[in-house]
Amino acid sequence: MFTDEGRCDVEDVEVVDAPLGAHDVVVRSRASLVSPGTELAIFTRHHRGFEVPDHWARYPWYPGYATVGEVVAAGDEVADLEGRLVFHRMPHASAYRLPVDWVQPVPDGVPAERAVFFMLTQIAMTALRRAPLRFGEQVLVVGQGIVGNLVGQLAQEAGARRVAGADFSVPRLAIAHRCGVGEQWDLSARPLAEHLQTFGATGAEYVVEAVGAGESVDAALKATAAGGRCVLLGSTRATLEFDPYFDVHKKGIDVIGAHEDTVAAVTRGRDRPFLWELLASGRVQVDPIVTHRMPFTDAQRAYEGLRDDKDHFLGVVLEYP
């Protein structure tokens, strides 16, 4: 739990031994994935919600929304789940008792460390659901964190002509390259405008901003070709200024907001089997994204690493005994 800015404690809780409901399961955690976006924004007190009265962004706060565990007990009305791995969206913790419809069975053969990426893969899919990619378009993804990396991979699956990832972090570009997005633009070596020249006259028809920083939003708008689409997938942590005349109005581009909540539940339901198939088959690669594995009791070190060493901390998996 986050008890204050920059402070993560591990809390011991005594669980009351109440009877298990007929539709409940008990899940003992195997692994959970730290979200470098939302969780870090709360840890560092950069989340916009701190500015809003009665918002959920407050201390104390229980972080996490991507956990995989084994079902160790099941209610009388739950069939064929005991002993299975399941995914759920509850915060980081060693065990949970949950209604069975709150968990998703993990396909056979998918290890827990790969399955924890399901939620961030679904968030990456938000860009393609809010602004469907047209076959043969040239795609630029600004930011090669976990979500930006996954967006690039999904864009290739969706039929993009070319996909380029852009970032100032050479290690993050290297990880994205290992995940199969072969065109990576190092913004520490050349400005984005120079890299864009390799896209030719067509330019970047489809741009995804996957950072949420003011500078990267501005860069994404400027990089979007005339008549193109700019998808704002990263959650911005501050207000920003941009040039609506030259960057949006005169070029006639569409700017699409793509927060996770903007996709209908029925669409998410249809996507889930496909996303599991992508993770199970390796068509979407997540193994190279894991940079650190550590006991959940070292969570403070995990968040500090993601805050202070962004070149080397990316996919942090918390492990449970």
C-alpha atoms as a PDB file:
ATOM      1  CA  MET A   1       0.000   0.000   0.000  1.00  0.00           C
ATOM      2  CA  PHE A   2       1.127   3.565  -0.711  1.00  0.00           C
ATOM      3  CA  THR A   3       1.058   5.443   2.574  1.00  0.00           C
ATOM      4  CA  ASP A   4       2.509   8.701   1.286  1.00  0.00           C
ATOM      5  CA  GLU A   5       4.373  10.161  -1.679  1.00  0.00           C
ATOM      6  CA  GLY A   6       7.282   7.850  -2.498  1.00  0.00           C
ATOM      7  CA  ARG A   7       6.413   5.373   0.263  1.00  0.00           C
ATOM      8  CA  CYS A   8       5.214   1.793  -0.317  1.00  0.00           C
ATOM      9  CA  ASP A   9       4.643  -0.486   2.683  1.00  0.00           C
ATOM     10  CA  VAL A  10       3.777  -4.178   2.797  1.00  0.00           C
ATOM     11  CA  GLU A  11       0.838  -4.689   5.113  1.00  0.00           C
ATOM     12  CA  ASP A  12       0.087  -7.887   7.059  1.00  0.00           C
ATOM     13  CA  VAL A  13      -3.636  -8.616   7.261  1.00  0.00           C
ATOM     14  CA  GLU A  14      -5.435 -11.269   9.324  1.00  0.00           C
ATOM     15  CA  VAL A  15      -8.046 -12.963   7.156  1.00  0.00           C
ATOM     16  CA  VAL A  16     -11.319 -13.964   8.751  1.00  0.00           C
ATOM     17  CA  ASP A  17     -12.064 -17.629   8.044  1.00  0.00           C
ATOM     18  CA  ALA A  18     -15.620 -17.174   6.785  1.00  0.00           C
ATOM     19  CA  PRO A  19     -17.467 -19.877   4.784  1.00  0.00           C
ATOM     20  CA  LEU A  20     -16.708 -19.846   1.066  1.00  0.00           C
ATOM     21  CA  GLY A  21     -19.619 -18.695  -1.091  1.00  0.00           C
ATOM     22  CA  ALA A  22     -20.972 -21.060  -3.727  1.00  0.00           C
ATOM     23  CA  HIS A  23     -19.702 -18.790  -6.542  1.00  0.00           C
ATOM     24  CA  ASP A  24     -16.418 -17.742  -4.889  1.00  0.00           C
ATOM     25  CA  VAL A  25     -12.830 -18.803  -5.438  1.00  0.00           C
ATOM     26  CA  VAL A  26      -9.704 -18.424  -3.314  1.00  0.00           C
ATOM     27  CA  VAL A  27      -6.690 -17.423  -5.408  1.00  0.00           C
ATOM     28  CA  ARG A  28      -3.123 -17.650  -4.119  1.00  0.00           C
ATOM     29  CA  SER A  29      -0.980 -15.202  -6.087  1.00  0.00           C
ATOM     30  CA  ARG A  30       1.953 -16.334  -8.207  1.00  0.00           C
ATOM     31  CA  ALA A  31       2.948 -13.058  -9.909  1.00  0.00           C
ATOM     32  CA  SER A  32       1.733  -9.509 -10.483  1.00  0.00           C
ATOM     33  CA  LEU A  33       2.888  -6.803 -12.871  1.00  0.00           C
ATOM     34  CA  VAL A  34       3.613  -3.237 -11.807  1.00  0.00           C
ATOM     35  CA  SER A  35       2.052  -0.635 -14.101  1.00  0.00           C
ATOM     36  CA  PRO A  36       4.684   2.047 -14.739  1.00  0.00           C
ATOM     37  CA  GLY A  37       1.891   4.446 -15.708  1.00  0.00           C
ATOM     38  CA  THR A  38      -0.964   4.627 -13.219  1.00  0.00           C
ATOM     39  CA  GLU A  39       0.833   3.104 -10.241  1.00  0.00           C
ATOM     40  CA  LEU A  40       3.920   5.260 -10.621  1.00  0.00           C
ATOM     41  CA  ALA A  41       1.750   8.361 -11.042  1.00  0.00           C
ATOM     42  CA  ILE A  42       0.167   7.676  -7.644  1.00  0.00           C
ATOM     43  CA  PHE A  43       3.503   6.733  -6.033  1.00  0.00           C
ATOM     44  CA  THR A  44       5.049  10.041  -7.174  1.00  0.00           C
ATOM     45  CA  ARG A  45       1.844  12.052  -6.550  1.00  0.00           C
ATOM     46  CA  HIS A  46       1.747  13.145 -10.222  1.00  0.00           C
ATOM     47  CA  HIS A  47      -1.728  11.767 -10.925  1.00  0.00           C
ATOM     48  CA  ARG A  48      -4.264  14.423 -11.910  1.00  0.00           C
ATOM     49  CA  GLY A  49      -6.753  12.965  -9.434  1.00  0.00           C
ATOM     50  CA  PHE A  50      -4.896  14.505  -6.489  1.00  0.00           C
ATOM     51  CA  GLU A  51      -6.160  17.884  -7.735  1.00  0.00           C
ATOM     52  CA  VAL A  52      -9.823  16.775  -7.684  1.00  0.00           C
ATOM     53  CA  PRO A  53     -11.857  16.667  -4.444  1.00  0.00           C
ATOM     54  CA  ASP A  54     -13.115  13.179  -3.487  1.00  0.00           C
ATOM     55  CA  HIS A  55     -11.136  11.476  -6.288  1.00  0.00           C
ATOM     56  CA  TRP A  56      -9.851   7.936  -5.711  1.00  0.00           C
ATOM     57  CA  ALA A  57      -6.225   9.125  -6.093  1.00  0.00           C
ATOM     58  CA  ARG A  58      -5.498   9.486  -2.365  1.00  0.00           C
ATOM     59  CA  TYR A  59      -3.233   7.992   0.297  1.00  0.00           C
ATOM     60  CA  PRO A  60      -3.394   5.336   1.547  1.00  0.00           C
ATOM     61  CA  TRP A  61      -3.853   3.549  -1.794  1.00  0.00           C
ATOM     62  CA  TYR A  62      -3.549  -0.071  -2.822  1.00  0.00           C
ATOM     63  CA  PRO A  63      -1.726  -0.299  -6.178  1.00  0.00           C
ATOM     64  CA  GLY A  64      -1.917  -2.919  -8.880  1.00  0.00           C
ATOM     65  CA  TYR A  65      -4.401  -4.335 -11.382  1.00  0.00           C
ATOM     66  CA  ALA A  66      -2.679  -7.299 -13.036  1.00  0.00           C
ATOM     67  CA  THR A  67      -2.294 -10.436 -10.904  1.00  0.00           C
ATOM     68  CA  VAL A  68      -2.100 -14.122 -11.797  1.00  0.00           C
ATOM     69  CA  GLY A  69      -2.602 -16.845  -9.211  1.00  0.00           C
ATOM     70  CA  GLU A  70      -3.687 -20.415  -8.634  1.00  0.00           C
ATOM     71  CA  VAL A  71      -7.220 -21.281  -7.533  1.00  0.00           C
ATOM     72  CA  VAL A  72      -6.717 -23.202  -4.267  1.00  0.00           C
ATOM     73  CA  ALA A  73     -10.368 -23.453  -3.242  1.00  0.00           C
ATOM     74  CA  ALA A  74     -13.664 -23.073  -5.052  1.00  0.00           C
ATOM     75  CA  GLY A  75     -17.329 -22.840  -4.080  1.00  0.00           C
ATOM     76  CA  ASP A  76     -19.868 -25.562  -4.766  1.00  0.00           C
ATOM     77  CA  GLU A  77     -21.143 -23.888  -7.948  1.00  0.00           C
ATOM     78  CA  VAL A  78     -17.685 -23.360  -9.467  1.00  0.00           C
ATOM     79  CA  ALA A  79     -16.577 -26.097 -11.857  1.00  0.00           C
ATOM     80  CA  ASP A  80     -13.153 -27.002 -13.284  1.00  0.00           C
ATOM     81  CA  LEU A  81     -11.143 -24.123 -11.817  1.00  0.00           C
ATOM     82  CA  GLU A  82      -9.441 -25.569  -8.751  1.00  0.00           C
ATOM     83  CA  GLY A  83      -5.719 -25.879  -9.464  1.00  0.00           C
ATOM     84  CA  ARG A  84      -5.945 -23.599 -12.535  1.00  0.00           C
ATOM     85  CA  LEU A  85      -4.113 -20.335 -13.098  1.00  0.00           C
ATOM     86  CA  VAL A  86      -6.402 -17.304 -13.335  1.00  0.00           C
ATOM     87  CA  PHE A  87      -5.948 -13.599 -14.000  1.00  0.00           C
ATOM     88  CA  HIS A  88      -7.668 -10.845 -12.035  1.00  0.00           C
ATOM     89  CA  ARG A  89      -7.528  -7.064 -11.732  1.00  0.00           C
ATOM     90  CA  MET A  90      -7.236  -6.718  -7.965  1.00  0.00           C
ATOM     91  CA  PRO A  91      -4.270  -4.911  -6.307  1.00  0.00           C
ATOM     92  CA  HIS A  92      -0.975  -6.596  -5.437  1.00  0.00           C
ATOM     93  CA  ALA A  93      -1.559  -9.085  -2.599  1.00  0.00           C
ATOM     94  CA  SER A  94      -0.577 -12.631  -1.736  1.00  0.00           C
ATOM     95  CA  ALA A  95      -4.106 -14.069  -1.806  1.00  0.00           C
ATOM     96  CA  TYR A  96      -7.720 -13.183  -2.580  1.00  0.00           C
ATOM     97  CA  ARG A  97     -11.209 -14.530  -2.202  1.00  0.00           C
ATOM     98  CA  LEU A  98     -13.218 -13.342  -5.204  1.00  0.00           C
ATOM     99  CA  PRO A  99     -16.477 -13.974  -7.068  1.00  0.00           C
ATOM    100  CA  VAL A 100     -15.670 -16.384  -9.881  1.00  0.00           C
ATOM    101  CA  ASP A 101     -16.817 -13.934 -12.556  1.00  0.00           C
ATOM    102  CA  TRP A 102     -14.004 -11.579 -11.449  1.00  0.00           C
ATOM    103  CA  VAL A 103     -11.318 -13.961 -12.692  1.00  0.00           C
ATOM    104  CA  GLN A 104     -10.272 -15.139 -16.143  1.00  0.00           C
ATOM    105  CA  PRO A 105      -8.781 -18.605 -16.677  1.00  0.00           C
ATOM    106  CA  VAL A 106      -5.275 -18.429 -18.138  1.00  0.00           C
ATOM    107  CA  PRO A 107      -4.895 -20.655 -21.231  1.00  0.00           C
ATOM    108  CA  ASP A 108      -2.900 -23.841 -20.738  1.00  0.00           C
ATOM    109  CA  GLY A 109       0.802 -23.395 -21.398  1.00  0.00           C
ATOM    110  CA  VAL A 110       0.884 -19.648 -20.671  1.00  0.00           C
ATOM    111  CA  PRO A 111       3.213 -19.032 -17.701  1.00  0.00           C
ATOM    112  CA  ALA A 112       2.129 -16.638 -14.968  1.00  0.00           C
ATOM    113  CA  GLU A 113       4.899 -14.171 -15.852  1.00  0.00           C
ATOM    114  CA  ARG A 114       3.505 -13.816 -19.367  1.00  0.00           C
ATOM    115  CA  ALA A 115      -0.149 -13.844 -18.338  1.00  0.00           C
ATOM    116  CA  VAL A 116       0.292 -10.796 -16.073  1.00  0.00           C
ATOM    117  CA  PHE A 117       0.662  -8.696 -19.255  1.00  0.00           C
ATOM    118  CA  PHE A 118      -2.954  -9.320 -20.273  1.00  0.00           C
ATOM    119  CA  MET A 119      -4.276  -6.054 -18.859  1.00  0.00           C
ATOM    120  CA  LEU A 120      -1.655  -3.798 -20.426  1.00  0.00           C
ATOM    121  CA  THR A 121      -2.135  -5.615 -23.749  1.00  0.00           C
ATOM    122  CA  GLN A 122      -5.843  -4.812 -23.502  1.00  0.00           C
ATOM    123  CA  ILE A 123      -5.010  -1.182 -22.736  1.00  0.00           C
ATOM    124  CA  ALA A 124      -2.743  -1.090 -25.814  1.00  0.00           C
ATOM    125  CA  MET A 125      -5.643  -2.487 -27.868  1.00  0.00           C
ATOM    126  CA  THR A 126      -7.665   0.585 -26.829  1.00  0.00           C
ATOM    127  CA  ALA A 127      -5.864   2.658 -29.475  1.00  0.00           C
ATOM    128  CA  LEU A 128      -6.914   0.283 -32.258  1.00  0.00           C
ATOM    129  CA  ARG A 129     -10.479   0.048 -30.996  1.00  0.00           C
ATOM    130  CA  ARG A 130     -10.911   3.814 -30.674  1.00  0.00           C
ATOM    131  CA  ALA A 131      -9.224   4.470 -34.044  1.00  0.00           C
ATOM    132  CA  PRO A 132      -9.180   1.320 -36.206  1.00  0.00           C
ATOM    133  CA  LEU A 133      -6.005   1.018 -38.259  1.00  0.00           C
ATOM    134  CA  ARG A 134      -6.419   0.989 -42.026  1.00  0.00           C
ATOM    135  CA  PHE A 135      -4.512  -1.712 -43.881  1.00  0.00           C
ATOM    136  CA  GLY A 136      -1.229  -0.339 -45.285  1.00  0.00           C
ATOM    137  CA  GLU A 137      -0.975   2.792 -43.122  1.00  0.00           C
ATOM    138  CA  GLN A 138       2.331   4.033 -41.760  1.00  0.00           C
ATOM    139  CA  VAL A 139       2.334   4.071 -37.968  1.00  0.00           C
ATOM    140  CA  LEU A 140       4.418   5.994 -35.443  1.00  0.00           C
ATOM    141  CA  VAL A 141       4.271   5.151 -31.729  1.00  0.00           C
ATOM    142  CA  VAL A 142       5.722   7.903 -29.532  1.00  0.00           C
ATOM    143  CA  GLY A 143       7.072   6.266 -26.380  1.00  0.00           C
ATOM    144  CA  GLN A 144       8.381   2.721 -26.031  1.00  0.00           C
ATOM    145  CA  GLY A 145       7.324   1.868 -22.513  1.00  0.00           C
ATOM    146  CA  ILE A 146       5.283  -1.295 -22.030  1.00  0.00           C
ATOM    147  CA  VAL A 147       2.087   0.041 -23.612  1.00  0.00           C
ATOM    148  CA  GLY A 148       3.871   1.760 -26.515  1.00  0.00           C
ATOM    149  CA  ASN A 149       5.803  -1.429 -27.221  1.00  0.00           C
ATOM    150  CA  LEU A 150       2.569  -3.460 -27.246  1.00  0.00           C
ATOM    151  CA  VAL A 151       0.799  -0.924 -29.488  1.00  0.00           C
ATOM    152  CA  GLY A 152       3.562  -1.299 -32.064  1.00  0.00           C
ATOM    153  CA  GLN A 153       3.219  -5.060 -32.037  1.00  0.00           C
ATOM    154  CA  LEU A 154      -0.576  -4.897 -32.353  1.00  0.00           C
ATOM    155  CA  ALA A 155      -0.310  -2.404 -35.223  1.00  0.00           C
ATOM    156  CA  GLN A 156       1.857  -4.871 -37.121  1.00  0.00           C
ATOM    157  CA  GLU A 157      -0.752  -7.568 -36.488  1.00  0.00           C
ATOM    158  CA  ALA A 158      -3.448  -5.198 -37.797  1.00  0.00           C
ATOM    159  CA  GLY A 159      -1.793  -4.725 -41.189  1.00  0.00           C
ATOM    160  CA  ALA A 160       0.306  -1.582 -40.923  1.00  0.00           C
ATOM    161  CA  ARG A 161       2.681  -0.952 -43.802  1.00  0.00           C
ATOM    162  CA  ARG A 162       5.439   0.284 -41.491  1.00  0.00           C
ATOM    163  CA  VAL A 163       5.593   0.712 -37.719  1.00  0.00           C
ATOM    164  CA  ALA A 164       8.201   2.884 -36.026  1.00  0.00           C
ATOM    165  CA  GLY A 165       8.678   3.342 -32.294  1.00  0.00           C
ATOM    166  CA  ALA A 166      10.291   6.548 -31.008  1.00  0.00           C
ATOM    167  CA  ASP A 167      11.913   7.172 -27.637  1.00  0.00           C
ATOM    168  CA  PHE A 168      14.884   8.854 -25.978  1.00  0.00           C
ATOM    169  CA  SER A 169      15.755   5.641 -24.115  1.00  0.00           C
ATOM    170  CA  VAL A 170      18.065   3.388 -26.110  1.00  0.00           C
ATOM    171  CA  PRO A 171      17.474   0.368 -23.795  1.00  0.00           C
ATOM    172  CA  ARG A 172      13.695   0.654 -24.268  1.00  0.00           C
ATOM    173  CA  LEU A 173      14.132   0.856 -28.045  1.00  0.00           C
ATOM    174  CA  ALA A 174      16.287  -2.273 -27.878  1.00  0.00           C
ATOM    175  CA  ILE A 175      13.594  -4.148 -25.937  1.00  0.00           C
ATOM    176  CA  ALA A 176      10.943  -3.158 -28.485  1.00  0.00           C
ATOM    177  CA  HIS A 177      13.244  -4.365 -31.268  1.00  0.00           C
ATOM    178  CA  ARG A 178      13.590  -7.731 -29.499  1.00  0.00           C
ATOM    179  CA  CYS A 179       9.788  -7.884 -29.328  1.00  0.00           C
ATOM    180  CA  GLY A 180       9.652  -7.693 -33.119  1.00  0.00           C
ATOM    181  CA  VAL A 181       9.064  -3.996 -33.844  1.00  0.00           C
ATOM    182  CA  GLY A 182      12.143  -3.635 -36.010  1.00  0.00           C
ATOM    183  CA  GLU A 183      12.055   0.083 -36.780  1.00  0.00           C
ATOM    184  CA  GLN A 184      13.079   2.080 -33.723  1.00  0.00           C
ATOM    185  CA  TRP A 185      13.918   5.799 -33.767  1.00  0.00           C
ATOM    186  CA  ASP A 186      16.461   7.073 -31.245  1.00  0.00           C
ATOM    187  CA  LEU A 187      15.373  10.613 -30.378  1.00  0.00           C
ATOM    188  CA  SER A 188      18.548  11.178 -28.379  1.00  0.00           C
ATOM    189  CA  ALA A 189      20.550  10.924 -31.615  1.00  0.00           C
ATOM    190  CA  ARG A 190      18.274  12.655 -34.152  1.00  0.00           C
ATOM    191  CA  PRO A 191      15.158  14.824 -33.811  1.00  0.00           C
ATOM    192  CA  LEU A 192      11.821  13.263 -34.657  1.00  0.00           C
ATOM    193  CA  ALA A 193      11.386  15.485 -37.722  1.00  0.00           C
ATOM    194  CA  GLU A 194      14.513  13.980 -39.309  1.00  0.00           C
ATOM    195  CA  HIS A 195      13.384  10.424 -38.599  1.00  0.00           C
ATOM    196  CA  LEU A 196       9.994  11.204 -40.142  1.00  0.00           C
ATOM    197  CA  GLN A 197      11.619  11.918 -43.493  1.00  0.00           C
ATOM    198  CA  THR A 198      12.128   8.169 -43.922  1.00  0.00           C
ATOM    199  CA  PHE A 199       8.328   7.804 -44.124  1.00  0.00           C
ATOM    200  CA  GLY A 200       8.402   9.746 -47.407  1.00  0.00           C
ATOM    201  CA  ALA A 201       5.668  11.987 -48.717  1.00  0.00           C
ATOM    202  CA  THR A 202       2.911   9.937 -47.075  1.00  0.00           C
ATOM    203  CA  GLY A 203       4.255  10.643 -43.597  1.00  0.00           C
ATOM    204  CA  ALA A 204       2.922   9.190 -40.368  1.00  0.00           C
ATOM    205  CA  GLU A 205      -0.746   8.612 -41.097  1.00  0.00           C
ATOM    206  CA  TYR A 206      -1.480   7.014 -37.741  1.00  0.00           C
ATOM    207  CA  VAL A 207       0.317   8.270 -34.615  1.00  0.00           C
ATOM    208  CA  VAL A 208      -0.118   6.932 -31.086  1.00  0.00           C
ATOM    209  CA  GLU A 209       1.106   8.973 -28.112  1.00  0.00           C
ATOM    210  CA  ALA A 210       1.864   6.408 -25.390  1.00  0.00           C
ATOM    211  CA  VAL A 211       3.687   8.497 -22.776  1.00  0.00           C
ATOM    212  CA  GLY A 212       1.268  11.085 -21.431  1.00  0.00           C
ATOM    213  CA  ALA A 213       3.863  13.885 -21.178  1.00  0.00           C
ATOM    214  CA  GLY A 214       3.171  17.328 -22.588  1.00  0.00           C
ATOM    215  CA  GLU A 215       6.284  17.323 -24.794  1.00  0.00           C
ATOM    216  CA  SER A 216       5.435  13.959 -26.334  1.00  0.00           C
ATOM    217  CA  VAL A 217       1.805  14.946 -26.988  1.00  0.00           C
ATOM    218  CA  ASP A 218       3.050  18.072 -28.767  1.00  0.00           C
ATOM    219  CA  ALA A 219       5.548  16.003 -30.755  1.00  0.00           C
ATOM    220  CA  ALA A 220       2.870  13.465 -31.711  1.00  0.00           C
ATOM    221  CA  LEU A 221       0.513  16.179 -32.987  1.00  0.00           C
ATOM    222  CA  LYS A 222       3.293  17.751 -35.032  1.00  0.00           C
ATOM    223  CA  ALA A 223       4.327  14.355 -36.436  1.00  0.00           C
ATOM    224  CA  THR A 224       0.843  13.422 -37.655  1.00  0.00           C
ATOM    225  CA  ALA A 225       0.539  13.773 -41.430  1.00  0.00           C
ATOM    226  CA  ALA A 226      -2.160  15.959 -42.997  1.00  0.00           C
ATOM    227  CA  GLY A 227      -5.476  14.136 -42.840  1.00  0.00           C
ATOM    228  CA  GLY A 228      -4.059  11.606 -40.377  1.00  0.00           C
ATOM    229  CA  ARG A 229      -5.073  10.509 -36.905  1.00  0.00           C
ATOM    230  CA  CYS A 230      -3.344  11.107 -33.594  1.00  0.00           C
ATOM    231  CA  VAL A 231      -4.430   8.783 -30.771  1.00  0.00           C
ATOM    232  CA  LEU A 232      -3.806  10.008 -27.217  1.00  0.00           C
ATOM    233  CA  LEU A 233      -3.350   6.730 -25.354  1.00  0.00           C
ATOM    234  CA  GLY A 234      -1.006   7.870 -22.566  1.00  0.00           C
ATOM    235  CA  SER A 235      -2.714   9.489 -19.574  1.00  0.00           C
ATOM    236  CA  THR A 236      -1.377  13.028 -19.266  1.00  0.00           C
ATOM    237  CA  ARG A 237      -0.285  14.077 -15.768  1.00  0.00           C
ATOM    238  CA  ALA A 238      -0.457  17.853 -16.309  1.00  0.00           C
ATOM    239  CA  THR A 239      -2.211  20.437 -18.462  1.00  0.00           C
ATOM    240  CA  LEU A 240      -0.377  21.431 -21.636  1.00  0.00           C
ATOM    241  CA  GLU A 241      -0.274  23.924 -24.469  1.00  0.00           C
ATOM    242  CA  PHE A 242      -0.278  23.067 -28.164  1.00  0.00           C
ATOM    243  CA  ASP A 243      -0.745  24.850 -31.484  1.00  0.00           C
ATOM    244  CA  PRO A 244      -4.291  24.004 -32.639  1.00  0.00           C
ATOM    245  CA  TYR A 245      -3.975  26.032 -35.856  1.00  0.00           C
ATOM    246  CA  PHE A 246      -0.833  24.548 -37.412  1.00  0.00           C
ATOM    247  CA  ASP A 247      -0.813  21.149 -35.703  1.00  0.00           C
ATOM    248  CA  VAL A 248      -4.515  20.229 -35.889  1.00  0.00           C
ATOM    249  CA  HIS A 249      -6.771  22.655 -37.756  1.00  0.00           C
ATOM    250  CA  LYS A 250      -4.688  23.421 -40.838  1.00  0.00           C
ATOM    251  CA  LYS A 251      -3.600  19.795 -41.306  1.00  0.00           C
ATOM    252  CA  GLY A 252      -7.139  18.496 -40.794  1.00  0.00           C
ATOM    253  CA  ILE A 253      -6.077  15.733 -38.424  1.00  0.00           C
ATOM    254  CA  ASP A 254      -8.308  13.782 -36.058  1.00  0.00           C
ATOM    255  CA  VAL A 255      -7.287  13.722 -32.388  1.00  0.00           C
ATOM    256  CA  ILE A 256      -8.757  10.714 -30.564  1.00  0.00           C
ATOM    257  CA  GLY A 257      -8.813  10.225 -26.811  1.00  0.00           C
ATOM    258  CA  ALA A 258      -8.203   6.598 -25.869  1.00  0.00           C
ATOM    259  CA  HIS A 259      -8.551   6.109 -22.132  1.00  0.00           C
ATOM    260  CA  GLU A 260      -9.171   2.481 -21.165  1.00  0.00           C
ATOM    261  CA  ASP A 261     -12.752   3.276 -20.100  1.00  0.00           C
ATOM    262  CA  THR A 262     -13.716   4.558 -23.571  1.00  0.00           C
ATOM    263  CA  VAL A 263     -14.155   1.055 -25.055  1.00  0.00           C
ATOM    264  CA  ALA A 264     -17.516  -0.660 -24.550  1.00  0.00           C
ATOM    265  CA  ALA A 265     -17.637  -3.695 -22.265  1.00  0.00           C
ATOM    266  CA  VAL A 266     -19.117  -5.854 -25.026  1.00  0.00           C
ATOM    267  CA  THR A 267     -16.136  -5.046 -27.260  1.00  0.00           C
ATOM    268  CA  ARG A 268     -13.706  -5.886 -24.460  1.00  0.00           C
ATOM    269  CA  GLY A 269     -15.489  -9.201 -24.011  1.00  0.00           C
ATOM    270  CA  ARG A 270     -15.047 -10.085 -27.681  1.00  0.00           C
ATOM    271  CA  ASP A 271     -11.367  -9.076 -27.576  1.00  0.00           C
ATOM    272  CA  ARG A 272     -10.342 -11.185 -24.581  1.00  0.00           C
ATOM    273  CA  PRO A 273     -10.075 -14.606 -26.274  1.00  0.00           C
ATOM    274  CA  PHE A 274      -8.054 -13.041 -29.104  1.00  0.00           C
ATOM    275  CA  LEU A 275      -5.692 -11.251 -26.725  1.00  0.00           C
ATOM    276  CA  TRP A 276      -5.084 -14.496 -24.834  1.00  0.00           C
ATOM    277  CA  GLU A 277      -4.381 -16.192 -28.158  1.00  0.00           C
ATOM    278  CA  LEU A 278      -1.834 -13.503 -29.068  1.00  0.00           C
ATOM    279  CA  LEU A 279      -0.043 -13.923 -25.730  1.00  0.00           C
ATOM    280  CA  ALA A 280      -0.201 -17.724 -25.798  1.00  0.00           C
ATOM    281  CA  SER A 281       1.105 -18.036 -29.360  1.00  0.00           C
ATOM    282  CA  GLY A 282       3.896 -15.481 -28.986  1.00  0.00           C
ATOM    283  CA  ARG A 283       2.498 -13.342 -31.796  1.00  0.00           C
ATOM    284  CA  VAL A 284       2.661 -10.611 -29.159  1.00  0.00           C
ATOM    285  CA  GLN A 285       5.996 -10.859 -27.351  1.00  0.00           C
ATOM    286  CA  VAL A 286       6.215  -9.856 -23.697  1.00  0.00           C
ATOM    287  CA  ASP A 287       9.073 -11.968 -22.338  1.00  0.00           C
ATOM    288  CA  PRO A 288      11.769  -9.422 -23.381  1.00  0.00           C
ATOM    289  CA  ILE A 289       9.850  -6.680 -21.538  1.00  0.00           C
ATOM    290  CA  VAL A 290      10.491  -8.248 -18.130  1.00  0.00           C
ATOM    291  CA  THR A 291      13.548  -6.452 -16.774  1.00  0.00           C
ATOM    292  CA  HIS A 292      13.175  -7.322 -13.075  1.00  0.00           C
ATOM    293  CA  ARG A 293      11.700 -10.069 -10.941  1.00  0.00           C
ATOM    294  CA  MET A 294      11.576  -9.492  -7.200  1.00  0.00           C
ATOM    295  CA  PRO A 295       9.671 -10.620  -4.112  1.00  0.00           C
ATOM    296  CA  PHE A 296       6.529  -8.618  -3.464  1.00  0.00           C
ATOM    297  CA  THR A 297       8.100  -7.596  -0.148  1.00  0.00           C
ATOM    298  CA  ASP A 298      10.616  -5.539  -2.205  1.00  0.00           C
ATOM    299  CA  ALA A 299       7.876  -3.398  -3.745  1.00  0.00           C
ATOM    300  CA  GLN A 300       9.444  -0.168  -2.479  1.00  0.00           C
ATOM    301  CA  ARG A 301      12.597  -0.950  -4.489  1.00  0.00           C
ATOM    302  CA  ALA A 302      10.483  -1.744  -7.551  1.00  0.00           C
ATOM    303  CA  TYR A 303       8.745   1.639  -7.527  1.00  0.00           C
ATOM    304  CA  GLU A 304      11.953   3.519  -6.809  1.00  0.00           C
ATOM    305  CA  GLY A 305      13.627   1.805  -9.767  1.00  0.00           C
ATOM    306  CA  LEU A 306      10.770   2.681 -12.109  1.00  0.00           C
ATOM    307  CA  ARG A 307      10.909   6.276 -10.876  1.00  0.00           C
ATOM    308  CA  ASP A 308      14.680   6.787 -10.858  1.00  0.00           C
ATOM    309  CA  ASP A 309      16.091   4.443 -13.536  1.00  0.00           C
ATOM    310  CA  LYS A 310      13.687   4.427 -16.473  1.00  0.00           C
ATOM    311  CA  ASP A 311      16.346   3.148 -18.874  1.00  0.00           C
ATOM    312  CA  HIS A 312      16.721  -0.146 -17.060  1.00  0.00           C
ATOM    313  CA  PHE A 313      13.463  -0.677 -15.128  1.00  0.00           C
ATOM    314  CA  LEU A 314      10.520  -1.434 -17.407  1.00  0.00           C
ATOM    315  CA  GLY A 315       8.603  -4.659 -16.798  1.00  0.00           C
ATOM    316  CA  VAL A 316       8.739  -5.369 -13.069  1.00  0.00           C
ATOM    317  CA  VAL A 317       7.121  -8.623 -11.953  1.00  0.00           C
ATOM    318  CA  LEU A 318       6.435  -9.131  -8.248  1.00  0.00           C
ATOM    319  CA  GLU A 319       6.679 -12.754  -7.148  1.00  0.00           C
ATOM    320  CA  TYR A 320       4.860 -14.512  -4.290  1.00  0.00           C
ATOM    321  CA  PRO A 321       5.968 -17.576  -2.306  1.00  0.00           C
END
